[in-house]
Amino acid sequence: MLHDVDVAEDAVQGTMLRVFMHWESARAAPEAYSRKTLLNVCRDYWRRQDPGLKKVRLALQEAQSTEREIGDQVASFTDEVAERDALVQALRALPERQRDVLTLRFFFDLSVEQVAELLEIPEGSVKSAASRGAKKLHEELRPPRAELDEC
């Protein structure tokens, strides 16, 4: 979700801190509370991204790209297209309900309640479809073990 290991580690630490600070509320269902908190921490990160900072980042990226060779740019673009295609293929392989739920929840950023209302299914079904679909996507998109060992 965050595209940066360091930022992701910070998000996990922030999640642990929030769960600890609200333990009385989290005690009933700590895993669910932690997942929701992590999602909120990630959303907070993206909301904090100032449009002005984005412009600076884009300018830095443009400056760096002018220093690279054309071949590096093409390879980078090719990698992005390949990643997008892999995601689209993995989504297409999911059952229709899981695909719909994941798309509405995470691409359109709708709440569980909103997705349930749109698809006319119970909220529990939305949650289970999202969980199962995300697990299948993770398994499908995870790099092979050999690639992980090389890193």
C-alpha atoms as a PDB file:
ATOM      1  CA  MET A   1       0.000   0.000   0.000  1.00  0.00           C
ATOM      2  CA  LEU A   2       2.785   2.433   0.806  1.00  0.00           C
ATOM      3  CA  HIS A   3       5.379   1.389  -1.802  1.00  0.00           C
ATOM      4  CA  ASP A   4       8.239   1.986   0.619  1.00  0.00           C
ATOM      5  CA  VAL A   5       9.586  -0.465   3.203  1.00  0.00           C
ATOM      6  CA  ASP A   6      10.660   2.265   5.624  1.00  0.00           C
ATOM      7  CA  VAL A   7       7.284   3.985   5.508  1.00  0.00           C
ATOM      8  CA  ALA A   8       5.553   0.604   5.927  1.00  0.00           C
ATOM      9  CA  GLU A   9       7.655  -0.144   9.018  1.00  0.00           C
ATOM     10  CA  ASP A  10       6.710   3.249  10.434  1.00  0.00           C
ATOM     11  CA  ALA A  11       3.059   2.458   9.736  1.00  0.00           C
ATOM     12  CA  VAL A  12       3.326  -0.828  11.640  1.00  0.00           C
ATOM     13  CA  GLN A  13       4.927   0.932  14.598  1.00  0.00           C
ATOM     14  CA  GLY A  14       2.256   3.620  14.527  1.00  0.00           C
ATOM     15  CA  THR A  15      -0.411   0.923  14.431  1.00  0.00           C
ATOM     16  CA  MET A  16       1.074  -0.875  17.407  1.00  0.00           C
ATOM     17  CA  LEU A  17       1.179   2.383  19.343  1.00  0.00           C
ATOM     18  CA  ARG A  18      -2.449   3.230  18.543  1.00  0.00           C
ATOM     19  CA  VAL A  19      -3.625  -0.273  19.472  1.00  0.00           C
ATOM     20  CA  PHE A  20      -1.698  -0.074  22.744  1.00  0.00           C
ATOM     21  CA  MET A  21      -3.142   3.351  23.533  1.00  0.00           C
ATOM     22  CA  HIS A  22      -6.699   2.103  22.860  1.00  0.00           C
ATOM     23  CA  TRP A  23      -6.294  -1.398  24.256  1.00  0.00           C
ATOM     24  CA  GLU A  24      -9.616  -1.313  26.109  1.00  0.00           C
ATOM     25  CA  SER A  25     -11.428  -0.950  22.762  1.00  0.00           C
ATOM     26  CA  ALA A  26      -9.082  -3.330  20.922  1.00  0.00           C
ATOM     27  CA  ARG A  27      -9.239  -6.099  23.512  1.00  0.00           C
ATOM     28  CA  ALA A  28     -12.493  -7.570  22.151  1.00  0.00           C
ATOM     29  CA  ALA A  29     -11.059  -8.249  18.672  1.00  0.00           C
ATOM     30  CA  PRO A  30      -7.362  -7.313  18.569  1.00  0.00           C
ATOM     31  CA  GLU A  31      -6.645  -8.647  15.066  1.00  0.00           C
ATOM     32  CA  ALA A  32      -9.561  -6.852  13.440  1.00  0.00           C
ATOM     33  CA  TYR A  33      -8.863  -3.678  15.404  1.00  0.00           C
ATOM     34  CA  SER A  34      -5.187  -3.823  14.386  1.00  0.00           C
ATOM     35  CA  ARG A  35      -6.008  -4.351  10.703  1.00  0.00           C
ATOM     36  CA  LYS A  36      -8.437  -1.441  10.674  1.00  0.00           C
ATOM     37  CA  THR A  37      -5.944   0.729  12.533  1.00  0.00           C
ATOM     38  CA  LEU A  38      -3.177  -0.168  10.069  1.00  0.00           C
ATOM     39  CA  LEU A  39      -5.448   0.737   7.171  1.00  0.00           C
ATOM     40  CA  ASN A  40      -6.228   4.062   8.848  1.00  0.00           C
ATOM     41  CA  VAL A  41      -2.536   4.749   9.489  1.00  0.00           C
ATOM     42  CA  CYS A  42      -1.800   4.104   5.802  1.00  0.00           C
ATOM     43  CA  ARG A  43      -4.655   6.363   4.749  1.00  0.00           C
ATOM     44  CA  ASP A  44      -3.391   9.059   7.109  1.00  0.00           C
ATOM     45  CA  TYR A  45       0.015   8.814   5.467  1.00  0.00           C
ATOM     46  CA  TRP A  46      -1.464   9.361   2.007  1.00  0.00           C
ATOM     47  CA  ARG A  47      -3.668  12.202   3.213  1.00  0.00           C
ATOM     48  CA  ARG A  48      -0.637  13.952   4.695  1.00  0.00           C
ATOM     49  CA  GLN A  49       1.112  13.913   1.355  1.00  0.00           C
ATOM     50  CA  ASP A  50       1.026  17.611   0.529  1.00  0.00           C
ATOM     51  CA  PRO A  51       0.336  18.464  -3.140  1.00  0.00           C
ATOM     52  CA  GLY A  52       3.247  20.891  -2.960  1.00  0.00           C
ATOM     53  CA  LEU A  53       5.551  18.066  -1.896  1.00  0.00           C
ATOM     54  CA  LYS A  54       4.247  15.956  -4.760  1.00  0.00           C
ATOM     55  CA  LYS A  55       5.290  18.698  -7.177  1.00  0.00           C
ATOM     56  CA  VAL A  56       8.769  18.738  -5.642  1.00  0.00           C
ATOM     57  CA  ARG A  57       8.972  14.945  -5.897  1.00  0.00           C
ATOM     58  CA  LEU A  58       7.866  15.053  -9.524  1.00  0.00           C
ATOM     59  CA  ALA A  59      10.477  17.712 -10.293  1.00  0.00           C
ATOM     60  CA  LEU A  60      13.162  15.563  -8.645  1.00  0.00           C
ATOM     61  CA  GLN A  61      12.023  12.528 -10.592  1.00  0.00           C
ATOM     62  CA  GLU A  62      12.138  14.494 -13.842  1.00  0.00           C
ATOM     63  CA  ALA A  63      15.638  15.738 -13.035  1.00  0.00           C
ATOM     64  CA  GLN A  64      16.790  12.217 -12.258  1.00  0.00           C
ATOM     65  CA  SER A  65      15.183  10.807 -15.378  1.00  0.00           C
ATOM     66  CA  THR A  66      17.037  13.301 -17.588  1.00  0.00           C
ATOM     67  CA  GLU A  67      20.284  11.960 -16.137  1.00  0.00           C
ATOM     68  CA  ARG A  68      19.378   8.391 -17.024  1.00  0.00           C
ATOM     69  CA  GLU A  69      19.674   6.840 -20.413  1.00  0.00           C
ATOM     70  CA  ILE A  70      16.576   6.334 -22.563  1.00  0.00           C
ATOM     71  CA  GLY A  71      16.930   2.578 -22.111  1.00  0.00           C
ATOM     72  CA  ASP A  72      16.571   2.901 -18.336  1.00  0.00           C
ATOM     73  CA  GLN A  73      13.363   4.891 -18.783  1.00  0.00           C
ATOM     74  CA  VAL A  74      11.920   2.311 -21.147  1.00  0.00           C
ATOM     75  CA  ALA A  75      12.862  -0.522 -18.789  1.00  0.00           C
ATOM     76  CA  SER A  76      11.263   1.315 -15.853  1.00  0.00           C
ATOM     77  CA  PHE A  77       8.063   1.937 -17.796  1.00  0.00           C
ATOM     78  CA  THR A  78       8.042  -1.670 -18.947  1.00  0.00           C
ATOM     79  CA  ASP A  79       8.336  -2.832 -15.327  1.00  0.00           C
ATOM     80  CA  GLU A  80       5.410  -0.639 -14.286  1.00  0.00           C
ATOM     81  CA  VAL A  81       3.270  -1.933 -17.143  1.00  0.00           C
ATOM     82  CA  ALA A  82       4.201  -5.507 -16.250  1.00  0.00           C
ATOM     83  CA  GLU A  83       3.264  -4.941 -12.594  1.00  0.00           C
ATOM     84  CA  ARG A  84      -0.063  -3.419 -13.605  1.00  0.00           C
ATOM     85  CA  ASP A  85      -0.776  -6.291 -15.990  1.00  0.00           C
ATOM     86  CA  ALA A  86       0.053  -8.814 -13.262  1.00  0.00           C
ATOM     87  CA  LEU A  87      -2.376  -7.077 -10.903  1.00  0.00           C
ATOM     88  CA  VAL A  88      -5.128  -6.996 -13.548  1.00  0.00           C
ATOM     89  CA  GLN A  89      -4.599 -10.695 -14.336  1.00  0.00           C
ATOM     90  CA  ALA A  90      -4.647 -11.605 -10.648  1.00  0.00           C
ATOM     91  CA  LEU A  91      -7.859  -9.610 -10.155  1.00  0.00           C
ATOM     92  CA  ARG A  92      -9.474 -11.321 -13.150  1.00  0.00           C
ATOM     93  CA  ALA A  93      -8.645 -14.712 -11.654  1.00  0.00           C
ATOM     94  CA  LEU A  94     -10.633 -13.909  -8.505  1.00  0.00           C
ATOM     95  CA  PRO A  95     -14.288 -14.835  -8.140  1.00  0.00           C
ATOM     96  CA  GLU A  96     -16.600 -12.003  -9.161  1.00  0.00           C
ATOM     97  CA  ARG A  97     -17.708 -11.060  -5.642  1.00  0.00           C
ATOM     98  CA  GLN A  98     -14.126 -10.875  -4.321  1.00  0.00           C
ATOM     99  CA  ARG A  99     -13.032  -8.832  -7.332  1.00  0.00           C
ATOM    100  CA  ASP A 100     -15.966  -6.433  -6.913  1.00  0.00           C
ATOM    101  CA  VAL A 101     -15.407  -6.037  -3.178  1.00  0.00           C
ATOM    102  CA  LEU A 102     -11.651  -5.429  -3.518  1.00  0.00           C
ATOM    103  CA  THR A 103     -12.163  -2.935  -6.316  1.00  0.00           C
ATOM    104  CA  LEU A 104     -14.805  -0.979  -4.442  1.00  0.00           C
ATOM    105  CA  ARG A 105     -13.006  -1.128  -1.082  1.00  0.00           C
ATOM    106  CA  PHE A 106      -9.449  -0.347  -2.133  1.00  0.00           C
ATOM    107  CA  PHE A 107      -9.533   1.300  -5.557  1.00  0.00           C
ATOM    108  CA  PHE A 108     -12.620   3.418  -4.908  1.00  0.00           C
ATOM    109  CA  ASP A 109     -11.928   3.682  -1.156  1.00  0.00           C
ATOM    110  CA  LEU A 110     -15.487   2.879  -0.095  1.00  0.00           C
ATOM    111  CA  SER A 111     -16.385   1.743   3.404  1.00  0.00           C
ATOM    112  CA  VAL A 112     -17.623  -1.750   4.212  1.00  0.00           C
ATOM    113  CA  GLU A 113     -21.102  -0.317   4.703  1.00  0.00           C
ATOM    114  CA  GLN A 114     -21.063   1.444   1.329  1.00  0.00           C
ATOM    115  CA  VAL A 115     -19.845  -1.683  -0.481  1.00  0.00           C
ATOM    116  CA  ALA A 116     -22.487  -3.807   1.247  1.00  0.00           C
ATOM    117  CA  GLU A 117     -25.177  -1.367   0.191  1.00  0.00           C
ATOM    118  CA  LEU A 118     -23.960  -1.174  -3.419  1.00  0.00           C
ATOM    119  CA  LEU A 119     -23.645  -4.944  -3.830  1.00  0.00           C
ATOM    120  CA  GLU A 120     -26.721  -5.641  -1.717  1.00  0.00           C
ATOM    121  CA  ILE A 121     -24.917  -8.141   0.509  1.00  0.00           C
ATOM    122  CA  PRO A 122     -24.327  -8.273   4.290  1.00  0.00           C
ATOM    123  CA  GLU A 123     -21.363  -6.380   5.734  1.00  0.00           C
ATOM    124  CA  GLY A 124     -19.884  -9.647   6.998  1.00  0.00           C
ATOM    125  CA  SER A 125     -19.838 -10.962   3.432  1.00  0.00           C
ATOM    126  CA  VAL A 126     -17.992  -7.839   2.318  1.00  0.00           C
ATOM    127  CA  LYS A 127     -15.386  -8.338   5.022  1.00  0.00           C
ATOM    128  CA  SER A 128     -14.859 -12.029   4.286  1.00  0.00           C
ATOM    129  CA  ALA A 129     -14.726 -11.476   0.513  1.00  0.00           C
ATOM    130  CA  ALA A 130     -12.166  -8.698   0.994  1.00  0.00           C
ATOM    131  CA  SER A 131     -10.068 -10.847   3.304  1.00  0.00           C
ATOM    132  CA  ARG A 132     -10.136 -13.904   1.055  1.00  0.00           C
ATOM    133  CA  GLY A 133      -9.570 -11.881  -2.098  1.00  0.00           C
ATOM    134  CA  ALA A 134      -6.633  -9.984  -0.600  1.00  0.00           C
ATOM    135  CA  LYS A 135      -5.088 -13.247   0.550  1.00  0.00           C
ATOM    136  CA  LYS A 136      -5.410 -14.745  -2.941  1.00  0.00           C
ATOM    137  CA  LEU A 137      -3.951 -11.601  -4.516  1.00  0.00           C
ATOM    138  CA  HIS A 138      -1.049 -11.673  -2.089  1.00  0.00           C
ATOM    139  CA  GLU A 139      -0.329 -15.307  -2.909  1.00  0.00           C
ATOM    140  CA  GLU A 140      -0.620 -14.669  -6.641  1.00  0.00           C
ATOM    141  CA  LEU A 141       1.533 -11.543  -6.705  1.00  0.00           C
ATOM    142  CA  ARG A 142       4.189 -12.609  -4.210  1.00  0.00           C
ATOM    143  CA  PRO A 143       7.568 -13.065  -5.918  1.00  0.00           C
ATOM    144  CA  PRO A 144       8.848 -16.639  -6.102  1.00  0.00           C
ATOM    145  CA  ARG A 145      10.971 -17.777  -3.156  1.00  0.00           C
ATOM    146  CA  ALA A 146      14.156 -17.722  -5.262  1.00  0.00           C
ATOM    147  CA  GLU A 147      13.702 -13.992  -5.983  1.00  0.00           C
ATOM    148  CA  LEU A 148      13.228 -13.280  -2.281  1.00  0.00           C
ATOM    149  CA  ASP A 149      16.457 -15.106  -1.431  1.00  0.00           C
ATOM    150  CA  GLU A 150      18.388 -12.967  -3.945  1.00  0.00           C
ATOM    151  CA  CYS A 151      17.311  -9.746  -2.183  1.00  0.00           C
END
